[in-house]
Structure formats: C-alpha cells, structure tokens
C-alpha cells in the first residue's frame, strides 16, 4: 500500500508525540475547569452572598482543586517518561467525577 509494512510503521512511530498531545489536552481541560470555577464563584457572589450560594461556591472550588490535583499528577507523569503508563482507573474516575460535578454545580448556580 504505502510501501511500509505495519510492523515497520509501528517501530518508526515517534512515542514522544502522543504523551505531549495528551499533556496539552490535560492543560486545556484544567484551564476550562478553572474558568468554570471562576465563573461559578462570580455568579454565586454577584447578587450578594447567600448561604446556599456560598456552599455551592465552596463545593465548586473543592471540586476544582480535586481535578487540578489529578491533572497535575498526570501532567508530571507524561512529562517525565518517554513511555508513560496508562492512566489508573481511580485517577480517571476521580477526574471524570470532579469535572461532571463541577459542571452540575456551575449549572445549579446559573439556574
């Protein structure tokens, strides 16, 4: 087809590109999470602090910190090894739960 056999193509693949793209994706997702948390805080405190708004705001900040912790650990692993191991199930679950819960809390503040 292309003149290169499949095993040869696998051997010639640069393993450094995928971890770098994944690391950059984690950074973008962290930035998006930060923006969502800041907007949630702004929305909660816009009309004056209420007990419910402050509680949801604190929850958003805690979820953001949890996601930030998972993301930074993964970014460090991706940057430190040429062939990083797969993301652990517990870390993946924590990242997904933090991201979804942050979105739900932010949506609750808007409504």
C-alpha atoms as a PDB file:
ATOM      1  CA  UNK A   1       0.000   0.000   0.000  1.00  0.00           C
ATOM      2  CA  UNK A   2       2.290   2.757   1.229  1.00  0.00           C
ATOM      3  CA  UNK A   3       5.492   0.779   0.845  1.00  0.00           C
ATOM      4  CA  UNK A   4       5.976   0.364   4.632  1.00  0.00           C
ATOM      5  CA  UNK A   5       4.799  -2.754   6.394  1.00  0.00           C
ATOM      6  CA  UNK A   6       2.662  -2.418   9.510  1.00  0.00           C
ATOM      7  CA  UNK A   7       5.366  -3.666  11.912  1.00  0.00           C
ATOM      8  CA  UNK A   8       7.871  -1.227  10.379  1.00  0.00           C
ATOM      9  CA  UNK A   9       5.409   1.653  10.778  1.00  0.00           C
ATOM     10  CA  UNK A  10       4.927   0.767  14.451  1.00  0.00           C
ATOM     11  CA  UNK A  11       8.689   0.707  15.052  1.00  0.00           C
ATOM     12  CA  UNK A  12       9.152   4.068  13.294  1.00  0.00           C
ATOM     13  CA  UNK A  13       6.400   5.784  15.282  1.00  0.00           C
ATOM     14  CA  UNK A  14       7.607   8.619  17.488  1.00  0.00           C
ATOM     15  CA  UNK A  15       6.342   7.772  21.004  1.00  0.00           C
ATOM     16  CA  UNK A  16       7.023  11.326  22.208  1.00  0.00           C
ATOM     17  CA  UNK A  17       4.195  12.949  20.297  1.00  0.00           C
ATOM     18  CA  UNK A  18       1.201  11.235  21.871  1.00  0.00           C
ATOM     19  CA  UNK A  19       2.212  11.924  25.507  1.00  0.00           C
ATOM     20  CA  UNK A  20       2.840  15.552  24.601  1.00  0.00           C
ATOM     21  CA  UNK A  21      -0.584  15.910  22.962  1.00  0.00           C
ATOM     22  CA  UNK A  22      -2.188  14.239  25.960  1.00  0.00           C
ATOM     23  CA  UNK A  23      -0.311  16.549  28.344  1.00  0.00           C
ATOM     24  CA  UNK A  24      -1.515  19.577  26.385  1.00  0.00           C
ATOM     25  CA  UNK A  25      -5.084  18.233  26.467  1.00  0.00           C
ATOM     26  CA  UNK A  26      -4.866  17.915  30.271  1.00  0.00           C
ATOM     27  CA  UNK A  27      -3.667  21.539  30.432  1.00  0.00           C
ATOM     28  CA  UNK A  28      -6.551  22.747  28.253  1.00  0.00           C
ATOM     29  CA  UNK A  29      -9.052  20.836  30.353  1.00  0.00           C
ATOM     30  CA  UNK A  30      -7.540  22.293  33.529  1.00  0.00           C
ATOM     31  CA  UNK A  31      -7.874  25.776  32.058  1.00  0.00           C
ATOM     32  CA  UNK A  32     -11.522  25.124  31.157  1.00  0.00           C
ATOM     33  CA  UNK A  33     -12.175  23.819  34.660  1.00  0.00           C
ATOM     34  CA  UNK A  34     -10.568  26.942  36.122  1.00  0.00           C
ATOM     35  CA  UNK A  35     -12.775  29.200  34.015  1.00  0.00           C
ATOM     36  CA  UNK A  36     -15.885  27.260  35.082  1.00  0.00           C
ATOM     37  CA  UNK A  37     -14.911  27.545  38.760  1.00  0.00           C
ATOM     38  CA  UNK A  38     -14.203  31.281  38.490  1.00  0.00           C
ATOM     39  CA  UNK A  39     -17.499  31.903  36.722  1.00  0.00           C
ATOM     40  CA  UNK A  40     -19.298  29.851  39.373  1.00  0.00           C
ATOM     41  CA  UNK A  41     -17.726  31.969  42.128  1.00  0.00           C
ATOM     42  CA  UNK A  42     -18.624  35.152  40.270  1.00  0.00           C
ATOM     43  CA  UNK A  43     -22.213  34.013  39.793  1.00  0.00           C
ATOM     44  CA  UNK A  44     -22.561  32.919  43.424  1.00  0.00           C
ATOM     45  CA  UNK A  45     -21.320  36.239  44.772  1.00  0.00           C
ATOM     46  CA  UNK A  46     -22.872  38.559  42.159  1.00  0.00           C
ATOM     47  CA  UNK A  47     -26.109  39.456  43.925  1.00  0.00           C
ATOM     48  CA  UNK A  48     -24.584  39.274  47.380  1.00  0.00           C
ATOM     49  CA  UNK A  49     -23.532  36.140  49.177  1.00  0.00           C
ATOM     50  CA  UNK A  50     -26.282  33.789  50.269  1.00  0.00           C
ATOM     51  CA  UNK A  51     -25.678  30.682  52.384  1.00  0.00           C
ATOM     52  CA  UNK A  52     -26.681  28.362  49.539  1.00  0.00           C
ATOM     53  CA  UNK A  53     -24.583  30.247  47.002  1.00  0.00           C
ATOM     54  CA  UNK A  54     -21.556  30.222  49.257  1.00  0.00           C
ATOM     55  CA  UNK A  55     -21.963  26.475  49.888  1.00  0.00           C
ATOM     56  CA  UNK A  56     -22.183  25.677  46.173  1.00  0.00           C
ATOM     57  CA  UNK A  57     -19.289  28.050  45.524  1.00  0.00           C
ATOM     58  CA  UNK A  58     -17.155  26.256  48.132  1.00  0.00           C
ATOM     59  CA  UNK A  59     -18.102  22.904  46.599  1.00  0.00           C
ATOM     60  CA  UNK A  60     -17.086  24.168  43.139  1.00  0.00           C
ATOM     61  CA  UNK A  61     -13.732  25.294  44.492  1.00  0.00           C
ATOM     62  CA  UNK A  62     -13.152  21.942  46.205  1.00  0.00           C
ATOM     63  CA  UNK A  63     -14.035  20.066  43.019  1.00  0.00           C
ATOM     64  CA  UNK A  64     -11.716  22.307  41.018  1.00  0.00           C
ATOM     65  CA  UNK A  65      -8.871  21.605  43.448  1.00  0.00           C
ATOM     66  CA  UNK A  66      -9.532  17.861  43.186  1.00  0.00           C
ATOM     67  CA  UNK A  67      -9.439  17.976  39.398  1.00  0.00           C
ATOM     68  CA  UNK A  68      -6.332  20.158  39.475  1.00  0.00           C
ATOM     69  CA  UNK A  69      -4.575  17.637  41.723  1.00  0.00           C
ATOM     70  CA  UNK A  70      -5.366  14.706  39.398  1.00  0.00           C
ATOM     71  CA  UNK A  71      -4.435  16.684  36.289  1.00  0.00           C
ATOM     72  CA  UNK A  72      -1.111  17.911  37.656  1.00  0.00           C
ATOM     73  CA  UNK A  73      -0.110  14.403  38.715  1.00  0.00           C
ATOM     74  CA  UNK A  74      -0.880  13.114  35.236  1.00  0.00           C
ATOM     75  CA  UNK A  75       0.921  16.009  33.522  1.00  0.00           C
ATOM     76  CA  UNK A  76       4.039  15.284  35.603  1.00  0.00           C
ATOM     77  CA  UNK A  77       3.954  11.584  34.684  1.00  0.00           C
ATOM     78  CA  UNK A  78       3.504  12.399  30.991  1.00  0.00           C
ATOM     79  CA  UNK A  79       6.415  14.850  31.039  1.00  0.00           C
ATOM     80  CA  UNK A  80       8.793  12.620  32.996  1.00  0.00           C
ATOM     81  CA  UNK A  81       8.777   9.399  30.989  1.00  0.00           C
ATOM     82  CA  UNK A  82       9.186   8.656  27.311  1.00  0.00           C
ATOM     83  CA  UNK A  83       6.523   5.914  27.533  1.00  0.00           C
ATOM     84  CA  UNK A  84       4.164   6.835  30.379  1.00  0.00           C
ATOM     85  CA  UNK A  85       1.906   4.175  31.864  1.00  0.00           C
ATOM     86  CA  UNK A  86      -1.824   4.226  31.235  1.00  0.00           C
ATOM     87  CA  UNK A  87      -3.956   6.393  33.472  1.00  0.00           C
ATOM     88  CA  UNK A  88      -5.038   4.462  36.557  1.00  0.00           C
ATOM     89  CA  UNK A  89      -8.729   3.722  36.849  1.00  0.00           C
ATOM     90  CA  UNK A  90      -9.054   5.532  40.163  1.00  0.00           C
ATOM     91  CA  UNK A  91      -7.466   8.691  38.748  1.00  0.00           C
ATOM     92  CA  UNK A  92      -9.645   8.575  35.644  1.00  0.00           C
ATOM     93  CA  UNK A  93     -12.754   8.114  37.768  1.00  0.00           C
ATOM     94  CA  UNK A  94     -11.749  10.989  40.067  1.00  0.00           C
ATOM     95  CA  UNK A  95     -11.121  13.293  37.106  1.00  0.00           C
ATOM     96  CA  UNK A  96     -14.458  12.469  35.484  1.00  0.00           C
ATOM     97  CA  UNK A  97     -16.402  12.811  38.734  1.00  0.00           C
ATOM     98  CA  UNK A  98     -14.782  16.169  39.537  1.00  0.00           C
ATOM     99  CA  UNK A  99     -15.427  17.516  36.036  1.00  0.00           C
ATOM    100  CA  UNK A 100     -19.061  16.372  35.923  1.00  0.00           C
ATOM    101  CA  UNK A 101     -19.805  17.542  39.469  1.00  0.00           C
ATOM    102  CA  UNK A 102     -18.202  20.925  38.749  1.00  0.00           C
ATOM    103  CA  UNK A 103     -20.404  21.297  35.661  1.00  0.00           C
ATOM    104  CA  UNK A 104     -23.502  20.356  37.663  1.00  0.00           C
ATOM    105  CA  UNK A 105     -22.647  22.836  40.435  1.00  0.00           C
ATOM    106  CA  UNK A 106     -21.952  25.599  37.937  1.00  0.00           C
ATOM    107  CA  UNK A 107     -25.254  24.866  36.193  1.00  0.00           C
ATOM    108  CA  UNK A 108     -27.063  24.928  39.553  1.00  0.00           C
ATOM    109  CA  UNK A 109     -25.673  28.414  40.198  1.00  0.00           C
ATOM    110  CA  UNK A 110     -26.868  29.686  36.840  1.00  0.00           C
ATOM    111  CA  UNK A 111     -30.418  28.340  37.220  1.00  0.00           C
END
